[in-house]
C-alpha atoms as a PDB file:
ATOM      1  CA  MET A   1      -6.176  -6.010 -25.049  1.00  0.00           C
ATOM      2  CA  ALA A   2      -4.886  -3.011 -23.124  1.00  0.00           C
ATOM      3  CA  LEU A   3      -5.630   0.049 -21.055  1.00  0.00           C
ATOM      4  CA  VAL A   4      -4.451   3.389 -22.411  1.00  0.00           C
ATOM      5  CA  VAL A   5      -3.549   6.116 -19.926  1.00  0.00           C
ATOM      6  CA  ILE A   6      -5.304   9.356 -20.844  1.00  0.00           C
ATOM      7  CA  ARG A   7      -4.442  11.157 -17.598  1.00  0.00           C
ATOM      8  CA  PRO A   8      -2.210   9.527 -14.969  1.00  0.00           C
ATOM      9  CA  GLY A   9      -3.608  11.054 -11.776  1.00  0.00           C
ATOM     10  CA  MET A  10      -1.293  12.174  -8.982  1.00  0.00           C
ATOM     11  CA  LEU A  11       0.748   8.986  -8.495  1.00  0.00           C
ATOM     12  CA  THR A  12      -0.436   5.816 -10.186  1.00  0.00           C
ATOM     13  CA  THR A  13       1.960   2.866 -10.320  1.00  0.00           C
ATOM     14  CA  ILE A  14       1.921  -0.767 -11.385  1.00  0.00           C
ATOM     15  CA  GLN A  15       2.299  -3.079  -8.379  1.00  0.00           C
ATOM     16  CA  ASP A  16       2.154  -6.760  -7.606  1.00  0.00           C
ATOM     17  CA  LEU A  17       2.868  -8.116  -4.108  1.00  0.00           C
ATOM     18  CA  GLY A  18       6.523  -7.110  -4.276  1.00  0.00           C
ATOM     19  CA  ARG A  19      10.068  -8.135  -5.140  1.00  0.00           C
ATOM     20  CA  TRP A  20      10.678 -10.344  -2.109  1.00  0.00           C
ATOM     21  CA  GLY A  21      13.810 -12.358  -1.349  1.00  0.00           C
ATOM     22  CA  ARG A  22      16.419  -9.928  -2.678  1.00  0.00           C
ATOM     23  CA  GLN A  23      16.944  -7.423   0.139  1.00  0.00           C
ATOM     24  CA  ASP A  24      20.280  -9.053   0.979  1.00  0.00           C
ATOM     25  CA  SER A  25      21.434  -7.908  -2.475  1.00  0.00           C
ATOM     26  CA  GLY A  26      20.198  -4.350  -1.923  1.00  0.00           C
ATOM     27  CA  VAL A  27      17.019  -4.755  -3.992  1.00  0.00           C
ATOM     28  CA  PRO A  28      13.994  -3.073  -2.359  1.00  0.00           C
ATOM     29  CA  VAL A  29      10.708  -4.965  -2.097  1.00  0.00           C
ATOM     30  CA  ALA A  30       8.271  -2.266  -3.308  1.00  0.00           C
ATOM     31  CA  GLY A  31       4.724  -3.637  -3.795  1.00  0.00           C
ATOM     32  CA  PRO A  32       1.434  -2.094  -2.650  1.00  0.00           C
ATOM     33  CA  MET A  33       1.156   0.201   0.338  1.00  0.00           C
ATOM     34  CA  ASP A  34      -2.044  -1.673   1.229  1.00  0.00           C
ATOM     35  CA  ALA A  35      -1.388  -5.314   0.340  1.00  0.00           C
ATOM     36  CA  TYR A  36      -4.739  -6.415   1.790  1.00  0.00           C
ATOM     37  CA  SER A  37      -6.730  -4.265  -0.646  1.00  0.00           C
ATOM     38  CA  HIS A  38      -4.471  -5.372  -3.500  1.00  0.00           C
ATOM     39  CA  ARG A  39      -5.233  -9.006  -2.728  1.00  0.00           C
ATOM     40  CA  LEU A  40      -8.929  -8.261  -2.213  1.00  0.00           C
ATOM     41  CA  ALA A  41      -9.251  -6.527  -5.592  1.00  0.00           C
ATOM     42  CA  ASN A  42      -7.619  -9.486  -7.353  1.00  0.00           C
ATOM     43  CA  TRP A  43      -9.785 -11.871  -5.317  1.00  0.00           C
ATOM     44  CA  LEU A  44     -12.966 -10.076  -6.393  1.00  0.00           C
ATOM     45  CA  ILE A  45     -12.027 -10.233 -10.080  1.00  0.00           C
ATOM     46  CA  GLY A  46     -10.892 -13.883 -10.006  1.00  0.00           C
ATOM     47  CA  ASN A  47      -7.145 -13.250 -10.428  1.00  0.00           C
ATOM     48  CA  GLN A  48      -4.334 -14.781  -8.435  1.00  0.00           C
ATOM     49  CA  ASP A  49      -3.671 -12.461  -5.506  1.00  0.00           C
ATOM     50  CA  HIS A  50      -0.157 -11.603  -6.771  1.00  0.00           C
ATOM     51  CA  ALA A  51      -1.395 -10.379 -10.178  1.00  0.00           C
ATOM     52  CA  ALA A  52      -0.169  -6.910 -11.138  1.00  0.00           C
ATOM     53  CA  ALA A  53      -2.673  -4.088 -10.693  1.00  0.00           C
ATOM     54  CA  LEU A  54      -2.674  -0.292 -10.446  1.00  0.00           C
ATOM     55  CA  GLU A  55      -2.145   1.537  -7.163  1.00  0.00           C
ATOM     56  CA  VAL A  56      -3.991   4.868  -7.336  1.00  0.00           C
ATOM     57  CA  THR A  57      -2.886   7.581  -4.899  1.00  0.00           C
ATOM     58  CA  LEU A  58      -5.090  10.519  -3.803  1.00  0.00           C
ATOM     59  CA  ILE A  59      -6.137  11.639  -7.321  1.00  0.00           C
ATOM     60  CA  GLY A  60      -7.184   8.954  -9.767  1.00  0.00           C
ATOM     61  CA  PRO A  61      -6.341   8.517 -13.453  1.00  0.00           C
ATOM     62  CA  GLU A  62      -8.424   8.452 -16.605  1.00  0.00           C
ATOM     63  CA  LEU A  63      -8.092   5.187 -18.551  1.00  0.00           C
ATOM     64  CA  GLU A  64      -9.453   3.941 -21.882  1.00  0.00           C
ATOM     65  CA  ALA A  65     -10.049   0.318 -22.874  1.00  0.00           C
ATOM     66  CA  SER A  66      -8.285  -0.445 -26.143  1.00  0.00           C
ATOM     67  CA  GLU A  67      -9.189  -3.190 -28.623  1.00  0.00           C
ATOM     68  CA  ALA A  68     -11.558  -5.117 -26.316  1.00  0.00           C
ATOM     69  CA  ASP A  69     -13.714  -4.809 -23.198  1.00  0.00           C
ATOM     70  CA  VAL A  70     -11.837  -4.834 -19.883  1.00  0.00           C
ATOM     71  CA  THR A  71     -13.374  -6.015 -16.599  1.00  0.00           C
ATOM     72  CA  CYS A  72     -12.145  -4.183 -13.489  1.00  0.00           C
ATOM     73  CA  VAL A  73     -12.789  -3.719  -9.788  1.00  0.00           C
ATOM     74  CA  LEU A  74     -11.575  -1.266  -7.143  1.00  0.00           C
ATOM     75  CA  ALA A  75     -10.607  -1.939  -3.511  1.00  0.00           C
ATOM     76  CA  GLY A  76      -9.070   0.209  -0.795  1.00  0.00           C
ATOM     77  CA  ALA A  77      -9.652   3.958  -0.800  1.00  0.00           C
ATOM     78  CA  ARG A  78     -13.169   5.042  -1.736  1.00  0.00           C
ATOM     79  CA  PHE A  79     -13.431   7.046  -4.953  1.00  0.00           C
ATOM     80  CA  ASP A  80     -16.378   8.196  -7.026  1.00  0.00           C
ATOM     81  CA  ALA A  81     -16.006   6.761 -10.531  1.00  0.00           C
ATOM     82  CA  THR A  82     -17.724   6.828 -13.912  1.00  0.00           C
ATOM     83  CA  VAL A  83     -17.538   4.722 -17.095  1.00  0.00           C
ATOM     84  CA  ASP A  84     -18.575   6.522 -20.267  1.00  0.00           C
ATOM     85  CA  GLY A  85     -19.947   9.299 -18.058  1.00  0.00           C
ATOM     86  CA  ARG A  86     -22.207   7.031 -15.997  1.00  0.00           C
ATOM     87  CA  ASP A  87     -21.755   6.588 -12.254  1.00  0.00           C
ATOM     88  CA  ILE A  88     -20.654   3.097 -11.197  1.00  0.00           C
ATOM     89  CA  ASP A  89     -20.104   1.161  -7.984  1.00  0.00           C
ATOM     90  CA  ALA A  90     -16.425   0.421  -8.572  1.00  0.00           C
ATOM     91  CA  SER A  91     -16.232  -1.881  -5.528  1.00  0.00           C
ATOM     92  CA  ARG A  92     -18.040  -4.503  -7.651  1.00  0.00           C
ATOM     93  CA  PRO A  93     -16.679  -5.869 -10.951  1.00  0.00           C
ATOM     94  CA  PHE A  94     -17.563  -3.576 -13.861  1.00  0.00           C
ATOM     95  CA  VAL A  95     -16.761  -3.444 -17.562  1.00  0.00           C
ATOM     96  CA  ILE A  96     -15.024  -0.711 -19.537  1.00  0.00           C
ATOM     97  CA  ALA A  97     -16.260  -1.342 -23.077  1.00  0.00           C
ATOM     98  CA  ALA A  98     -13.743  -1.018 -25.900  1.00  0.00           C
ATOM     99  CA  GLY A  99     -13.177   2.645 -26.681  1.00  0.00           C
ATOM    100  CA  LYS A 100     -14.828   3.821 -23.453  1.00  0.00           C
ATOM    101  CA  ARG A 101     -13.173   5.550 -20.499  1.00  0.00           C
ATOM    102  CA  LEU A 102     -12.990   5.061 -16.743  1.00  0.00           C
ATOM    103  CA  ARG A 103     -12.715   8.338 -14.857  1.00  0.00           C
ATOM    104  CA  PHE A 104     -12.007   8.751 -11.157  1.00  0.00           C
ATOM    105  CA  GLY A 105     -13.841  11.462  -9.250  1.00  0.00           C
ATOM    106  CA  THR A 106     -13.808  12.629  -5.650  1.00  0.00           C
ATOM    107  CA  ARG A 107     -11.824  10.642  -3.088  1.00  0.00           C
ATOM    108  CA  ARG A 108     -14.075   9.943  -0.112  1.00  0.00           C
ATOM    109  CA  ARG A 109     -11.919   7.995   2.384  1.00  0.00           C
ATOM    110  CA  GLY A 110      -8.475   6.434   2.455  1.00  0.00           C
ATOM    111  CA  ALA A 111      -5.485   7.438   0.348  1.00  0.00           C
ATOM    112  CA  ARG A 112      -4.756   4.544  -2.029  1.00  0.00           C
ATOM    113  CA  ALA A 113      -6.967   2.304  -4.139  1.00  0.00           C
ATOM    114  CA  THR A 114      -6.089  -0.831  -6.080  1.00  0.00           C
ATOM    115  CA  LEU A 115      -7.578  -1.099  -9.568  1.00  0.00           C
ATOM    116  CA  ALA A 116      -7.427  -4.766 -10.614  1.00  0.00           C
ATOM    117  CA  VAL A 117      -8.269  -5.942 -14.134  1.00  0.00           C
ATOM    118  CA  SER A 118      -9.348  -9.433 -15.119  1.00  0.00           C
ATOM    119  CA  GLY A 119      -6.207 -11.146 -16.428  1.00  0.00           C
ATOM    120  CA  GLY A 120      -3.876  -8.726 -14.655  1.00  0.00           C
ATOM    121  CA  ILE A 121      -1.459  -6.219 -16.134  1.00  0.00           C
ATOM    122  CA  VAL A 122       1.143  -8.299 -17.957  1.00  0.00           C
ATOM    123  CA  CYS A 123       4.101  -5.987 -18.523  1.00  0.00           C
ATOM    124  CA  PRO A 124       7.458  -7.854 -18.400  1.00  0.00           C
ATOM    125  CA  PRO A 125       8.594  -8.708 -14.858  1.00  0.00           C
ATOM    126  CA  ILE A 126      11.886  -7.328 -13.515  1.00  0.00           C
ATOM    127  CA  LEU A 127      13.742  -9.674 -11.127  1.00  0.00           C
ATOM    128  CA  GLY A 128      10.601 -11.766 -10.849  1.00  0.00           C
ATOM    129  CA  SER A 129       8.174  -8.953 -10.030  1.00  0.00           C
ATOM    130  CA  ARG A 130       6.032  -6.362 -11.819  1.00  0.00           C
ATOM    131  CA  SER A 131       6.172  -3.951  -8.877  1.00  0.00           C
ATOM    132  CA  THR A 132       7.305  -0.380  -9.417  1.00  0.00           C
ATOM    133  CA  SER A 133       9.967   0.931  -7.039  1.00  0.00           C
ATOM    134  CA  VAL A 134       9.832   4.670  -7.599  1.00  0.00           C
ATOM    135  CA  VAL A 135      12.862   5.367  -5.397  1.00  0.00           C
ATOM    136  CA  SER A 136      15.195   2.896  -7.139  1.00  0.00           C
ATOM    137  CA  ARG A 137      13.603   3.383 -10.602  1.00  0.00           C
ATOM    138  CA  MET A 138      13.062  -0.350 -10.929  1.00  0.00           C
ATOM    139  CA  GLY A 139      10.123  -2.131 -12.475  1.00  0.00           C
ATOM    140  CA  PRO A 140       7.656  -1.505 -15.325  1.00  0.00           C
ATOM    141  CA  LEU A 141       7.973   1.685 -17.385  1.00  0.00           C
ATOM    142  CA  GLY A 142      11.533   2.145 -16.172  1.00  0.00           C
ATOM    143  CA  GLY A 143      10.393   2.284 -12.568  1.00  0.00           C
ATOM    144  CA  ARG A 144       8.298   5.432 -12.958  1.00  0.00           C
ATOM    145  CA  PRO A 145       4.625   6.220 -12.315  1.00  0.00           C
ATOM    146  CA  LEU A 146       2.132   6.155 -15.168  1.00  0.00           C
ATOM    147  CA  ALA A 147       2.218   8.964 -17.718  1.00  0.00           C
ATOM    148  CA  ALA A 148      -0.266  10.050 -20.374  1.00  0.00           C
ATOM    149  CA  GLY A 149      -0.012   7.847 -23.442  1.00  0.00           C
ATOM    150  CA  ASP A 150       1.234   4.724 -21.647  1.00  0.00           C
ATOM    151  CA  ILE A 151      -0.276   1.481 -22.931  1.00  0.00           C
ATOM    152  CA  LEU A 152      -0.806  -1.183 -20.256  1.00  0.00           C
ATOM    153  CA  PRO A 153      -1.144  -4.712 -21.661  1.00  0.00           C
ATOM    154  CA  VAL A 154      -3.867  -6.823 -20.056  1.00  0.00           C
ATOM    155  CA  GLY A 155      -3.768 -10.626 -19.888  1.00  0.00           C
ATOM    156  CA  PRO A 156      -6.527 -12.948 -21.133  1.00  0.00           C
ATOM    157  CA  PRO A 157      -9.688 -12.486 -19.040  1.00  0.00           C
ATOM    158  CA  VAL A 158     -10.118 -14.914 -16.182  1.00  0.00           C
ATOM    159  CA  SER A 159     -12.707 -17.519 -17.121  1.00  0.00           C
ATOM    160  CA  LYS A 160     -13.465 -18.896 -13.680  1.00  0.00           C
ATOM    161  CA  ALA A 161     -16.071 -17.234 -11.494  1.00  0.00           C
ATOM    162  CA  PRO A 162     -14.665 -15.122  -8.647  1.00  0.00           C
ATOM    163  CA  PRO A 163     -15.041 -16.559  -5.132  1.00  0.00           C
ATOM    164  CA  SER A 164     -17.456 -15.146  -2.602  1.00  0.00           C
ATOM    165  CA  SER A 165     -16.717 -11.549  -1.723  1.00  0.00           C
ATOM    166  CA  GLY A 166     -14.175 -10.803   0.973  1.00  0.00           C
ATOM    167  CA  ARG A 167     -14.537  -7.829   3.291  1.00  0.00           C
ATOM    168  CA  GLY A 168     -12.674  -4.600   2.687  1.00  0.00           C
ATOM    169  CA  LEU A 169     -10.815  -2.650   5.332  1.00  0.00           C
ATOM    170  CA  VAL A 170     -12.597   0.178   7.104  1.00  0.00           C
ATOM    171  CA  MET A 171     -10.889   3.161   5.503  1.00  0.00           C
ATOM    172  CA  PRO A 172      -9.436   5.845   7.788  1.00  0.00           C
ATOM    173  CA  ASP A 173     -11.126   9.216   7.869  1.00  0.00           C
ATOM    174  CA  GLY A 174      -8.448  11.655   8.985  1.00  0.00           C
ATOM    175  CA  GLY A 175      -6.329   9.203  10.956  1.00  0.00           C
ATOM    176  CA  ALA A 176      -5.905   5.729  12.377  1.00  0.00           C
ATOM    177  CA  ARG A 177      -4.778   3.769  15.417  1.00  0.00           C
ATOM    178  CA  VAL A 178      -2.372   0.947  14.559  1.00  0.00           C
ATOM    179  CA  ARG A 179      -1.006  -1.810  16.767  1.00  0.00           C
ATOM    180  CA  CYS A 180       2.690  -2.423  17.165  1.00  0.00           C
ATOM    181  CA  ILE A 181       5.205  -4.470  19.113  1.00  0.00           C
ATOM    182  CA  ALA A 182       8.058  -2.741  20.942  1.00  0.00           C
ATOM    183  CA  GLY A 183      11.530  -3.351  19.531  1.00  0.00           C
ATOM    184  CA  PRO A 184      13.835  -4.571  18.277  1.00  0.00           C
ATOM    185  CA  HIS A 185      15.858  -1.635  19.664  1.00  0.00           C
ATOM    186  CA  ASP A 186      13.502  -0.376  22.382  1.00  0.00           C
ATOM    187  CA  ALA A 187      16.314  -0.755  24.977  1.00  0.00           C
ATOM    188  CA  MET A 188      18.095   2.153  23.244  1.00  0.00           C
ATOM    189  CA  PHE A 189      15.334   4.590  24.235  1.00  0.00           C
ATOM    190  CA  THR A 190      14.332   6.228  27.504  1.00  0.00           C
ATOM    191  CA  ARG A 191      11.295   5.013  29.400  1.00  0.00           C
ATOM    192  CA  GLU A 192       9.652   8.356  28.647  1.00  0.00           C
ATOM    193  CA  ALA A 193      10.158   7.791  24.923  1.00  0.00           C
ATOM    194  CA  LEU A 194       8.315   4.470  25.040  1.00  0.00           C
ATOM    195  CA  GLU A 195       5.494   6.050  27.042  1.00  0.00           C
ATOM    196  CA  ALA A 196       5.272   8.900  24.541  1.00  0.00           C
ATOM    197  CA  LEU A 197       5.153   6.480  21.597  1.00  0.00           C
ATOM    198  CA  PHE A 198       2.086   4.736  22.988  1.00  0.00           C
ATOM    199  CA  THR A 199       0.259   7.786  24.379  1.00  0.00           C
ATOM    200  CA  SER A 200       0.862  10.500  21.781  1.00  0.00           C
ATOM    201  CA  ARG A 201      -0.720  11.421  18.484  1.00  0.00           C
ATOM    202  CA  PHE A 202       1.607  11.942  15.523  1.00  0.00           C
ATOM    203  CA  ILE A 203       0.906  13.703  12.221  1.00  0.00           C
ATOM    204  CA  VAL A 204       1.956  12.375   8.805  1.00  0.00           C
ATOM    205  CA  THR A 205       3.982  15.240   7.342  1.00  0.00           C
ATOM    206  CA  PRO A 206       4.101  16.386   3.687  1.00  0.00           C
ATOM    207  CA  GLN A 207       7.664  15.006   3.525  1.00  0.00           C
ATOM    208  CA  SER A 208       6.183  11.480   3.547  1.00  0.00           C
ATOM    209  CA  ASN A 209       6.096   9.125   0.566  1.00  0.00           C
ATOM    210  CA  ARG A 210       5.995   5.428  -0.351  1.00  0.00           C
ATOM    211  CA  MET A 211       9.408   4.959   1.244  1.00  0.00           C
ATOM    212  CA  GLY A 212       8.253   6.111   4.662  1.00  0.00           C
ATOM    213  CA  TYR A 213       6.120   8.502   6.682  1.00  0.00           C
ATOM    214  CA  ARG A 214       7.964  11.261   8.498  1.00  0.00           C
ATOM    215  CA  LEU A 215       5.919  11.869  11.619  1.00  0.00           C
ATOM    216  CA  ASP A 216       5.597  15.055  13.673  1.00  0.00           C
ATOM    217  CA  GLY A 217       4.832  14.777  17.380  1.00  0.00           C
ATOM    218  CA  SER A 218       6.459  14.042  20.709  1.00  0.00           C
ATOM    219  CA  ALA A 219      10.224  13.635  20.420  1.00  0.00           C
ATOM    220  CA  LEU A 220      11.308  10.083  21.230  1.00  0.00           C
ATOM    221  CA  ARG A 221      14.637  10.413  23.027  1.00  0.00           C
ATOM    222  CA  HIS A 222      17.431   7.868  22.871  1.00  0.00           C
ATOM    223  CA  SER A 223      19.104   6.771  26.088  1.00  0.00           C
ATOM    224  CA  GLY A 224      22.490   6.914  24.348  1.00  0.00           C
ATOM    225  CA  SER A 225      23.605   6.895  20.730  1.00  0.00           C
ATOM    226  CA  ALA A 226      21.095   7.499  17.942  1.00  0.00           C
ATOM    227  CA  ASP A 227      23.037   5.254  15.554  1.00  0.00           C
ATOM    228  CA  ILE A 228      23.395   1.499  15.068  1.00  0.00           C
ATOM    229  CA  LEU A 229      25.239  -0.722  12.645  1.00  0.00           C
ATOM    230  CA  SER A 230      22.930  -0.875   9.641  1.00  0.00           C
ATOM    231  CA  ASP A 231      20.544  -3.818   9.727  1.00  0.00           C
ATOM    232  CA  ALA A 232      17.431  -5.014   7.932  1.00  0.00           C
ATOM    233  CA  THR A 233      14.361  -2.776   7.725  1.00  0.00           C
ATOM    234  CA  PRO A 234      11.066  -4.704   7.835  1.00  0.00           C
ATOM    235  CA  VAL A 235       7.959  -2.947   6.585  1.00  0.00           C
ATOM    236  CA  GLY A 236       6.248  -1.206   9.497  1.00  0.00           C
ATOM    237  CA  SER A 237       9.496  -0.453  11.340  1.00  0.00           C
ATOM    238  CA  ILE A 238       9.446   2.795  13.319  1.00  0.00           C
ATOM    239  CA  GLN A 239      12.926   4.284  12.972  1.00  0.00           C
ATOM    240  CA  VAL A 240      13.995   7.190  15.163  1.00  0.00           C
ATOM    241  CA  PRO A 241      16.900   9.411  14.056  1.00  0.00           C
ATOM    242  CA  ALA A 242      18.746  11.831  16.370  1.00  0.00           C
ATOM    243  CA  SER A 243      15.955  14.428  15.994  1.00  0.00           C
ATOM    244  CA  GLY A 244      13.596  12.140  17.945  1.00  0.00           C
ATOM    245  CA  GLN A 245      10.918  12.450  15.246  1.00  0.00           C
ATOM    246  CA  PRO A 246       9.948   8.923  14.106  1.00  0.00           C
ATOM    247  CA  ILE A 247       9.853   7.578  10.560  1.00  0.00           C
ATOM    248  CA  LEU A 248       7.408   4.768   9.740  1.00  0.00           C
ATOM    249  CA  LEU A 249       8.960   2.653   6.976  1.00  0.00           C
ATOM    250  CA  MET A 250       6.602   1.591   4.203  1.00  0.00           C
ATOM    251  CA  ALA A 251       6.619  -0.288   0.876  1.00  0.00           C
ATOM    252  CA  ASP A 252       9.528   1.493  -0.855  1.00  0.00           C
ATOM    253  CA  ARG A 253      11.744   1.431   2.256  1.00  0.00           C
ATOM    254  CA  GLN A 254      15.497   1.027   1.933  1.00  0.00           C
ATOM    255  CA  THR A 255      16.831  -2.500   2.459  1.00  0.00           C
ATOM    256  CA  THR A 256      18.907  -1.578   5.542  1.00  0.00           C
ATOM    257  CA  GLY A 257      19.065   1.355   7.923  1.00  0.00           C
ATOM    258  CA  GLY A 258      21.285   2.781  10.627  1.00  0.00           C
ATOM    259  CA  TYR A 259      18.700   4.285  12.994  1.00  0.00           C
ATOM    260  CA  PRO A 260      17.314   2.384  15.999  1.00  0.00           C
ATOM    261  CA  LYS A 261      13.819   0.947  15.566  1.00  0.00           C
ATOM    262  CA  ILE A 262      11.727   1.591  18.647  1.00  0.00           C
ATOM    263  CA  ALA A 263       8.775  -0.565  17.534  1.00  0.00           C
ATOM    264  CA  THR A 264       7.242  -2.360  14.552  1.00  0.00           C
ATOM    265  CA  VAL A 265       3.656  -2.075  13.276  1.00  0.00           C
ATOM    266  CA  ILE A 266       2.050  -5.522  13.113  1.00  0.00           C
ATOM    267  CA  THR A 267       1.471  -7.124   9.712  1.00  0.00           C
ATOM    268  CA  ALA A 268      -2.317  -6.904  10.001  1.00  0.00           C
ATOM    269  CA  ASP A 269      -2.210  -3.120  10.501  1.00  0.00           C
ATOM    270  CA  VAL A 270       0.384  -2.142   7.878  1.00  0.00           C
ATOM    271  CA  PRO A 271      -2.377  -1.957   5.197  1.00  0.00           C
ATOM    272  CA  LEU A 272      -4.320   0.495   7.370  1.00  0.00           C
ATOM    273  CA  ALA A 273      -1.203   2.638   7.788  1.00  0.00           C
ATOM    274  CA  GLY A 274      -0.818   2.488   4.010  1.00  0.00           C
ATOM    275  CA  GLN A 275      -4.143   4.310   3.657  1.00  0.00           C
ATOM    276  CA  LEU A 276      -2.939   7.457   5.445  1.00  0.00           C
ATOM    277  CA  ALA A 277      -2.217  10.711   3.623  1.00  0.00           C
ATOM    278  CA  PRO A 278      -0.143  13.766   4.579  1.00  0.00           C
ATOM    279  CA  GLY A 279      -1.984  15.673   7.306  1.00  0.00           C
ATOM    280  CA  ASP A 280      -3.610  12.546   8.770  1.00  0.00           C
ATOM    281  CA  TRP A 281      -2.894  11.504  12.348  1.00  0.00           C
ATOM    282  CA  ILE A 282      -1.608   8.184  13.591  1.00  0.00           C
ATOM    283  CA  GLU A 283      -1.577   6.666  17.073  1.00  0.00           C
ATOM    284  CA  PHE A 284       0.380   3.572  18.122  1.00  0.00           C
ATOM    285  CA  VAL A 285      -1.096   0.943  20.427  1.00  0.00           C
ATOM    286  CA  GLU A 286       1.166  -1.659  22.019  1.00  0.00           C
ATOM    287  CA  CYS A 287       0.151  -5.291  21.571  1.00  0.00           C
ATOM    288  CA  THR A 288       1.594  -8.746  22.196  1.00  0.00           C
ATOM    289  CA  ARG A 289       2.893 -11.199  19.621  1.00  0.00           C
ATOM    290  CA  ALA A 290      -0.051 -13.481  20.337  1.00  0.00           C
ATOM    291  CA  GLU A 291      -2.463 -10.610  19.642  1.00  0.00           C
ATOM    292  CA  ALA A 292      -0.577  -9.812  16.423  1.00  0.00           C
ATOM    293  CA  VAL A 293      -0.883 -13.397  15.186  1.00  0.00           C
ATOM    294  CA  ASP A 294      -4.590 -13.492  16.062  1.00  0.00           C
ATOM    295  CA  ALA A 295      -5.175 -10.193  14.234  1.00  0.00           C
ATOM    296  CA  LEU A 296      -3.525 -11.580  11.109  1.00  0.00           C
ATOM    297  CA  ARG A 297      -5.558 -14.798  11.319  1.00  0.00           C
ATOM    298  CA  ARG A 298      -8.772 -12.791  11.544  1.00  0.00           C
ATOM    299  CA  GLN A 299      -7.735 -10.596   8.637  1.00  0.00           C
ATOM    300  CA  GLU A 300      -7.025 -13.599   6.430  1.00  0.00           C
ATOM    301  CA  ALA A 301     -10.461 -15.001   7.314  1.00  0.00           C
ATOM    302  CA  ALA A 302     -12.077 -11.643   6.414  1.00  0.00           C
ATOM    303  CA  LEU A 303     -10.326 -11.678   3.034  1.00  0.00           C
ATOM    304  CA  ALA A 304     -11.880 -15.055   2.294  1.00  0.00           C
ATOM    305  CA  GLY A 305     -15.282 -13.842   3.452  1.00  0.00           C
ATOM    306  CA  ASP A 306     -15.323 -16.240   6.423  1.00  0.00           C
ATOM    307  CA  ALA A 307     -16.991 -15.418   9.711  1.00  0.00           C
ATOM    308  CA  VAL A 308     -14.595 -14.374  12.476  1.00  0.00           C
END
């Protein structure tokens, strides 16, 4: 059982939840830009939440089911989609019959969708993960995006019934406000820089990618040096080089970095940031650690479909 890539779309990669636990050896994490939607898609199809799926960016692929029917579902960015030429609601599990094709149409909101298949994509893991790190060329298919003619093996269909539906994120429509906590290097910036971070609107530039978003907006000035001894780079870190223009580090970030980090986007809002595209705006809202923990608790409850 497999999916055959007829057209790859703009940037479609195989991702699981990432290659965690190896950053101290210089191995990047990778994984989905929107881990919530990745988990939700697997949840809706009955897979384990770490099962490998496809991350579809901006323009979707065309895929054909080979040998047997394949059951799929889509979460994250909203796309029109058809199977065998018929419109479908891809946010609910659907079947691509053997020999038939799934085609993506117009993207409505958000930038990245997760296409999960029952049984998961079962290409060989690299260092314990099936995530594709485009920057380091590590992972399935030699660490590259999908190309026409690729054959993606699919595991045995999940026999158990999926749990009750979780709730998807509200997809951004042109921009998003995300919460963050100041630091760890906020003392290296002027008071005006911190005020500008939390009162200004920044634009995601075309120089952005899965490694990080280069943002255009108010310059965030350092109070002294713009360099530090390289240290770890958590996802959601907002690095600021000497130019004063911030860089929001995302899934394919480097393992360490030598620019001060003025703030860090909270875990619950990193998936929302992952749905932004070049040209979208982003605003940062300061929050407390207690608020960050509560936001994550509420998000986990929404994934399970619980009332919050």
